[in-house]
PDB file of N, CA and C in Angstrom:
ATOM      1  N   MET A   1      21.089   4.356  28.911  1.00  0.00           N
ATOM      2  CA  MET A   1      20.139   3.787  28.588  1.00  0.00           C
ATOM      3  C   MET A   1      18.635   4.530  28.806  1.00  0.00           C
ATOM      4  N   ARG A   2      18.709   5.433  29.734  1.00  0.00           N
ATOM      5  CA  ARG A   2      17.185   6.370  29.743  1.00  0.00           C
ATOM      6  C   ARG A   2      17.300   7.153  28.645  1.00  0.00           C
ATOM      7  N   TRP A   3      18.361   7.597  27.658  1.00  0.00           N
ATOM      8  CA  TRP A   3      18.098   8.223  26.684  1.00  0.00           C
ATOM      9  C   TRP A   3      17.522   7.418  25.617  1.00  0.00           C
ATOM     10  N   PHE A   4      17.949   6.013  25.397  1.00  0.00           N
ATOM     11  CA  PHE A   4      17.184   5.235  24.330  1.00  0.00           C
ATOM     12  C   PHE A   4      15.725   4.907  24.870  1.00  0.00           C
ATOM     13  N   ASP A   5      15.616   4.809  26.234  1.00  0.00           N
ATOM     14  CA  ASP A   5      13.911   4.487  26.494  1.00  0.00           C
ATOM     15  C   ASP A   5      13.057   5.951  26.361  1.00  0.00           C
ATOM     16  N   TRP A   6      13.752   6.832  26.705  1.00  0.00           N
ATOM     17  CA  TRP A   6      13.000   8.272  26.285  1.00  0.00           C
ATOM     18  C   TRP A   6      12.672   8.178  24.599  1.00  0.00           C
ATOM     19  N   LEU A   7      13.670   7.600  24.103  1.00  0.00           N
ATOM     20  CA  LEU A   7      13.536   8.233  22.583  1.00  0.00           C
ATOM     21  C   LEU A   7      12.674   7.197  21.758  1.00  0.00           C
ATOM     22  N   PHE A   8      12.750   5.956  22.257  1.00  0.00           N
ATOM     23  CA  PHE A   8      12.127   4.535  21.729  1.00  0.00           C
ATOM     24  C   PHE A   8      10.961   3.864  22.564  1.00  0.00           C
ATOM     25  N   GLY A   9      10.724   4.445  23.859  1.00  0.00           N
ATOM     26  CA  GLY A   9      10.135   3.885  24.799  1.00  0.00           C
ATOM     27  C   GLY A   9      10.604   2.861  25.719  1.00  0.00           C
ATOM     28  N   SER A  10       9.815   2.196  26.475  1.00  0.00           N
ATOM     29  CA  SER A  10      10.339   1.166  27.595  1.00  0.00           C
ATOM     30  C   SER A  10      10.837  -0.027  26.892  1.00  0.00           C
ATOM     31  N   ALA A  11      11.492  -0.920  27.366  1.00  0.00           N
ATOM     32  CA  ALA A  11      11.897  -1.917  26.762  1.00  0.00           C
ATOM     33  C   ALA A  11      10.930  -2.711  26.510  1.00  0.00           C
ATOM     34  N   SER A  12       9.600  -2.945  27.113  1.00  0.00           N
ATOM     35  CA  SER A  12       8.847  -3.932  27.049  1.00  0.00           C
ATOM     36  C   SER A  12       8.121  -3.859  25.539  1.00  0.00           C
ATOM     37  N   GLN A  13       8.020  -2.190  25.151  1.00  0.00           N
ATOM     38  CA  GLN A  13       7.267  -2.238  23.769  1.00  0.00           C
ATOM     39  C   GLN A  13       8.191  -1.091  23.109  1.00  0.00           C
ATOM     40  N   PRO A  14       9.129  -1.614  22.660  1.00  0.00           N
ATOM     41  CA  PRO A  14       9.949  -0.359  22.191  1.00  0.00           C
ATOM     42  C   PRO A  14       9.644   0.281  20.942  1.00  0.00           C
ATOM     43  N   THR A  15       8.772  -0.598  20.053  1.00  0.00           N
ATOM     44  CA  THR A  15       8.749   0.019  19.023  1.00  0.00           C
ATOM     45  C   THR A  15       7.185   0.512  18.785  1.00  0.00           C
ATOM     46  N   LYS A  16       6.157   0.311  19.873  1.00  0.00           N
ATOM     47  CA  LYS A  16       5.076   0.763  19.694  1.00  0.00           C
ATOM     48  C   LYS A  16       4.594   2.108  19.158  1.00  0.00           C
ATOM     49  N   GLY A  17       5.129   3.232  19.601  1.00  0.00           N
ATOM     50  CA  GLY A  17       5.095   4.437  19.067  1.00  0.00           C
ATOM     51  C   GLY A  17       5.765   4.803  17.905  1.00  0.00           C
ATOM     52  N   LEU A  18       6.830   4.068  17.760  1.00  0.00           N
ATOM     53  CA  LEU A  18       7.699   4.614  16.475  1.00  0.00           C
ATOM     54  C   LEU A  18       7.070   4.279  15.426  1.00  0.00           C
ATOM     55  N   PHE A  19       6.217   2.912  15.052  1.00  0.00           N
ATOM     56  CA  PHE A  19       5.814   2.338  14.083  1.00  0.00           C
ATOM     57  C   PHE A  19       4.097   2.354  13.883  1.00  0.00           C
ATOM     58  N   ALA A  20       3.596   3.083  14.955  1.00  0.00           N
ATOM     59  CA  ALA A  20       1.922   3.290  14.997  1.00  0.00           C
ATOM     60  C   ALA A  20       1.757   4.015  13.768  1.00  0.00           C
ATOM     61  N   LYS A  21       2.585   5.033  13.205  1.00  0.00           N
ATOM     62  CA  LYS A  21       1.784   5.771  12.207  1.00  0.00           C
ATOM     63  C   LYS A  21       1.903   4.899  10.793  1.00  0.00           C
ATOM     64  N   PHE A  22       2.735   3.801  10.701  1.00  0.00           N
ATOM     65  CA  PHE A  22       2.750   2.803   9.363  1.00  0.00           C
ATOM     66  C   PHE A  22       1.167   2.083   9.549  1.00  0.00           C
ATOM     67  N   ARG A  23       1.182   1.703  10.649  1.00  0.00           N
ATOM     68  CA  ARG A  23      -0.297   0.753  10.657  1.00  0.00           C
ATOM     69  C   ARG A  23      -1.543   1.657  10.509  1.00  0.00           C
ATOM     70  N   ARG A  24      -1.369   2.852  10.807  1.00  0.00           N
ATOM     71  CA  ARG A  24      -2.481   3.519  10.345  1.00  0.00           C
ATOM     72  C   ARG A  24      -3.069   3.687   8.944  1.00  0.00           C
ATOM     73  N   LYS A  25      -2.078   3.780   7.941  1.00  0.00           N
ATOM     74  CA  LYS A  25      -2.315   3.845   6.669  1.00  0.00           C
ATOM     75  C   LYS A  25      -2.773   2.393   6.296  1.00  0.00           C
ATOM     76  N   SER A  26      -4.044   2.261   5.861  1.00  0.00           N
ATOM     77  CA  SER A  26      -4.506   1.166   5.310  1.00  0.00           C
ATOM     78  C   SER A  26      -4.569   1.158   3.776  1.00  0.00           C
ATOM     79  N   ARG A  27      -4.557   0.059   3.232  1.00  0.00           N
ATOM     80  CA  ARG A  27      -4.635   0.149   1.474  1.00  0.00           C
ATOM     81  C   ARG A  27      -5.909  -0.696   1.433  1.00  0.00           C
ATOM     82  N   ALA A  28      -6.460  -0.285  -0.157  1.00  0.00           N
ATOM     83  CA  ALA A  28      -7.885  -0.895  -0.395  1.00  0.00           C
ATOM     84  C   ALA A  28      -7.695  -2.007  -1.146  1.00  0.00           C
ATOM     85  N   PRO A  29      -8.428  -2.990  -0.806  1.00  0.00           N
ATOM     86  CA  PRO A  29      -8.312  -4.355  -1.313  1.00  0.00           C
ATOM     87  C   PRO A  29      -8.138  -4.436  -2.776  1.00  0.00           C
ATOM     88  N   THR A  30      -7.674  -5.202  -3.135  1.00  0.00           N
ATOM     89  CA  THR A  30      -6.776  -5.253  -4.610  1.00  0.00           C
ATOM     90  C   THR A  30      -8.123  -6.177  -5.457  1.00  0.00           C
ATOM     91  N   ASP A  31      -8.413  -5.789  -6.738  1.00  0.00           N
ATOM     92  CA  ASP A  31      -9.337  -6.392  -7.405  1.00  0.00           C
ATOM     93  C   ASP A  31      -8.742  -7.131  -8.274  1.00  0.00           C
ATOM     94  N   PRO A  32      -8.709  -8.896  -7.851  1.00  0.00           N
ATOM     95  CA  PRO A  32      -8.040  -9.545  -8.579  1.00  0.00           C
ATOM     96  C   PRO A  32      -8.179  -9.773 -10.367  1.00  0.00           C
ATOM     97  N   ASP A  33      -9.256  -9.657 -10.700  1.00  0.00           N
ATOM     98  CA  ASP A  33      -9.479  -9.373 -11.944  1.00  0.00           C
ATOM     99  C   ASP A  33      -9.079  -8.310 -12.958  1.00  0.00           C
ATOM    100  N   LEU A  34      -9.074  -7.362 -12.490  1.00  0.00           N
ATOM    101  CA  LEU A  34      -7.859  -6.108 -12.761  1.00  0.00           C
ATOM    102  C   LEU A  34      -6.569  -6.174 -12.870  1.00  0.00           C
ATOM    103  N   LEU A  35      -6.197  -6.997 -11.594  1.00  0.00           N
ATOM    104  CA  LEU A  35      -4.755  -7.053 -11.510  1.00  0.00           C
ATOM    105  C   LEU A  35      -4.270  -8.005 -12.606  1.00  0.00           C
ATOM    106  N   LYS A  36      -5.318  -9.049 -12.577  1.00  0.00           N
ATOM    107  CA  LYS A  36      -4.685 -10.168 -13.669  1.00  0.00           C
ATOM    108  C   LYS A  36      -4.664  -9.589 -15.294  1.00  0.00           C
ATOM    109  N   ILE A  37      -5.482  -8.879 -15.449  1.00  0.00           N
ATOM    110  CA  ILE A  37      -5.512  -7.833 -16.387  1.00  0.00           C
ATOM    111  C   ILE A  37      -4.218  -7.211 -16.892  1.00  0.00           C
ATOM    112  N   ALA A  38      -3.931  -6.474 -16.084  1.00  0.00           N
ATOM    113  CA  ALA A  38      -2.811  -5.447 -15.896  1.00  0.00           C
ATOM    114  C   ALA A  38      -1.314  -6.366 -16.012  1.00  0.00           C
ATOM    115  N   LYS A  39      -1.369  -7.420 -15.257  1.00  0.00           N
ATOM    116  CA  LYS A  39      -0.208  -8.362 -15.513  1.00  0.00           C
ATOM    117  C   LYS A  39      -0.399  -8.971 -16.990  1.00  0.00           C
ATOM    118  N   ASP A  40      -1.278  -9.389 -17.527  1.00  0.00           N
ATOM    119  CA  ASP A  40      -1.664  -9.581 -18.942  1.00  0.00           C
ATOM    120  C   ASP A  40      -0.721  -8.825 -20.100  1.00  0.00           C
ATOM    121  N   ARG A  41      -1.193  -7.346 -19.640  1.00  0.00           N
ATOM    122  CA  ARG A  41      -1.124  -6.054 -20.616  1.00  0.00           C
ATOM    123  C   ARG A  41       0.521  -6.012 -20.591  1.00  0.00           C
ATOM    124  N   LYS A  42       1.127  -5.644 -18.862  1.00  0.00           N
ATOM    125  CA  LYS A  42       2.134  -5.126 -19.002  1.00  0.00           C
ATOM    126  C   LYS A  42       3.120  -6.170 -18.000  1.00  0.00           C
ATOM    127  N   GLY A  43       2.840  -7.136 -17.867  1.00  0.00           N
ATOM    128  CA  GLY A  43       3.640  -7.990 -16.815  1.00  0.00           C
ATOM    129  C   GLY A  43       5.071  -8.301 -17.516  1.00  0.00           C
ATOM    130  N   HIS A  44       5.452  -8.137 -18.586  1.00  0.00           N
ATOM    131  CA  HIS A  44       6.715  -8.298 -19.055  1.00  0.00           C
ATOM    132  C   HIS A  44       7.838  -7.158 -19.203  1.00  0.00           C
ATOM    133  N   LEU A  45       7.286  -5.774 -18.913  1.00  0.00           N
ATOM    134  CA  LEU A  45       7.843  -4.630 -18.789  1.00  0.00           C
ATOM    135  C   LEU A  45       8.318  -4.459 -17.308  1.00  0.00           C
ATOM    136  N   SER A  46       7.773  -3.873 -16.391  1.00  0.00           N
ATOM    137  CA  SER A  46       7.898  -4.136 -15.052  1.00  0.00           C
ATOM    138  C   SER A  46       6.820  -4.267 -14.051  1.00  0.00           C
ATOM    139  N   ARG A  47       7.188  -4.163 -12.634  1.00  0.00           N
ATOM    140  CA  ARG A  47       6.304  -3.666 -11.818  1.00  0.00           C
ATOM    141  C   ARG A  47       5.706  -2.606 -11.658  1.00  0.00           C
ATOM    142  N   ARG A  48       6.234  -1.679 -11.991  1.00  0.00           N
ATOM    143  CA  ARG A  48       5.918   0.023 -11.863  1.00  0.00           C
ATOM    144  C   ARG A  48       4.639  -0.158 -13.175  1.00  0.00           C
ATOM    145  N   ALA A  49       5.141  -0.770 -14.496  1.00  0.00           N
ATOM    146  CA  ALA A  49       4.216  -0.683 -15.261  1.00  0.00           C
ATOM    147  C   ALA A  49       2.767  -1.304 -15.145  1.00  0.00           C
ATOM    148  N   VAL A  50       3.010  -2.375 -14.312  1.00  0.00           N
ATOM    149  CA  VAL A  50       1.667  -3.369 -13.973  1.00  0.00           C
ATOM    150  C   VAL A  50       0.941  -2.440 -13.124  1.00  0.00           C
ATOM    151  N   ARG A  51       1.551  -1.910 -12.017  1.00  0.00           N
ATOM    152  CA  ARG A  51       1.013  -1.011 -10.961  1.00  0.00           C
ATOM    153  C   ARG A  51       0.297   0.393 -11.832  1.00  0.00           C
ATOM    154  N   ASP A  52       0.904   0.859 -12.639  1.00  0.00           N
ATOM    155  CA  ASP A  52       0.063   2.079 -13.290  1.00  0.00           C
ATOM    156  C   ASP A  52      -0.941   1.340 -14.111  1.00  0.00           C
ATOM    157  N   GLU A  53      -0.792   0.494 -14.827  1.00  0.00           N
ATOM    158  CA  GLU A  53      -2.032  -0.013 -15.836  1.00  0.00           C
ATOM    159  C   GLU A  53      -2.940  -0.412 -14.704  1.00  0.00           C
ATOM    160  N   TYR A  54      -2.655  -1.203 -13.630  1.00  0.00           N
ATOM    161  CA  TYR A  54      -3.727  -1.297 -12.706  1.00  0.00           C
ATOM    162  C   TYR A  54      -4.584  -0.024 -12.240  1.00  0.00           C
ATOM    163  N   ASN A  55      -3.662   0.797 -11.952  1.00  0.00           N
ATOM    164  CA  ASN A  55      -4.349   2.073 -11.307  1.00  0.00           C
ATOM    165  C   ASN A  55      -5.207   2.737 -12.588  1.00  0.00           C
ATOM    166  N   ARG A  56      -4.891   2.501 -13.950  1.00  0.00           N
ATOM    167  CA  ARG A  56      -5.751   3.179 -14.738  1.00  0.00           C
ATOM    168  C   ARG A  56      -6.957   2.218 -14.902  1.00  0.00           C
ATOM    169  N   LEU A  57      -6.708   1.056 -14.717  1.00  0.00           N
ATOM    170  CA  LEU A  57      -8.008  -0.003 -14.768  1.00  0.00           C
ATOM    171  C   LEU A  57      -8.870   0.268 -13.809  1.00  0.00           C
ATOM    172  N   VAL A  58      -8.254   0.641 -12.560  1.00  0.00           N
ATOM    173  CA  VAL A  58      -9.181   0.876 -11.373  1.00  0.00           C
ATOM    174  C   VAL A  58     -10.301   2.174 -11.414  1.00  0.00           C
ATOM    175  N   VAL A  59      -9.342   3.183 -12.158  1.00  0.00           N
ATOM    176  CA  VAL A  59     -10.043   4.275 -12.194  1.00  0.00           C
ATOM    177  C   VAL A  59     -11.297   4.410 -13.568  1.00  0.00           C
ATOM    178  N   GLU A  60     -10.893   3.743 -14.486  1.00  0.00           N
ATOM    179  CA  GLU A  60     -11.605   3.480 -15.613  1.00  0.00           C
ATOM    180  C   GLU A  60     -12.976   2.944 -14.968  1.00  0.00           C
ATOM    181  N   LYS A  61     -12.578   1.867 -14.303  1.00  0.00           N
ATOM    182  CA  LYS A  61     -13.835   1.263 -13.942  1.00  0.00           C
ATOM    183  C   LYS A  61     -14.862   1.801 -12.785  1.00  0.00           C
ATOM    184  N   TYR A  62     -14.261   2.474 -12.156  1.00  0.00           N
ATOM    185  CA  TYR A  62     -15.128   3.183 -10.979  1.00  0.00           C
ATOM    186  C   TYR A  62     -15.232   4.688 -11.292  1.00  0.00           C
ATOM    187  N   ALA A  63     -14.951   5.175 -12.543  1.00  0.00           N
ATOM    188  CA  ALA A  63     -15.488   6.418 -12.828  1.00  0.00           C
ATOM    189  C   ALA A  63     -16.752   6.527 -12.967  1.00  0.00           C
ATOM    190  N   HIS A  64     -17.274   5.404 -13.659  1.00  0.00           N
ATOM    191  CA  HIS A  64     -18.758   5.762 -13.808  1.00  0.00           C
ATOM    192  C   HIS A  64     -19.662   5.763 -12.661  1.00  0.00           C
ATOM    193  N   ASP A  65     -19.139   5.241 -11.402  1.00  0.00           N
ATOM    194  CA  ASP A  65     -19.798   5.428 -10.234  1.00  0.00           C
ATOM    195  C   ASP A  65     -19.880   6.799  -9.603  1.00  0.00           C
ATOM    196  N   LYS A  66     -19.054   7.542  -9.796  1.00  0.00           N
ATOM    197  CA  LYS A  66     -19.047   8.964  -9.480  1.00  0.00           C
ATOM    198  C   LYS A  66     -19.753   9.958 -10.520  1.00  0.00           C
ATOM    199  N   ALA A  67     -20.049   9.546 -11.703  1.00  0.00           N
ATOM    200  CA  ALA A  67     -20.484  10.422 -12.736  1.00  0.00           C
ATOM    201  C   ALA A  67     -22.178  10.188 -12.462  1.00  0.00           C
TER     202      ALA A  67
END
């Protein structure tokens, strides 16, 4: 049991350190209008196609801010 406690922490908070790195990564908020457009365009294909179309729309929309 000591090996388990050493590896994962004490029994009171066994997953605190183990999953801490996953909580550090935060995602940007989703633009609902662009997501709707992406679903309308690519919704019949796959989730990956919708995500790719959404990312393309976001880059297209916010590229003008950096220029």
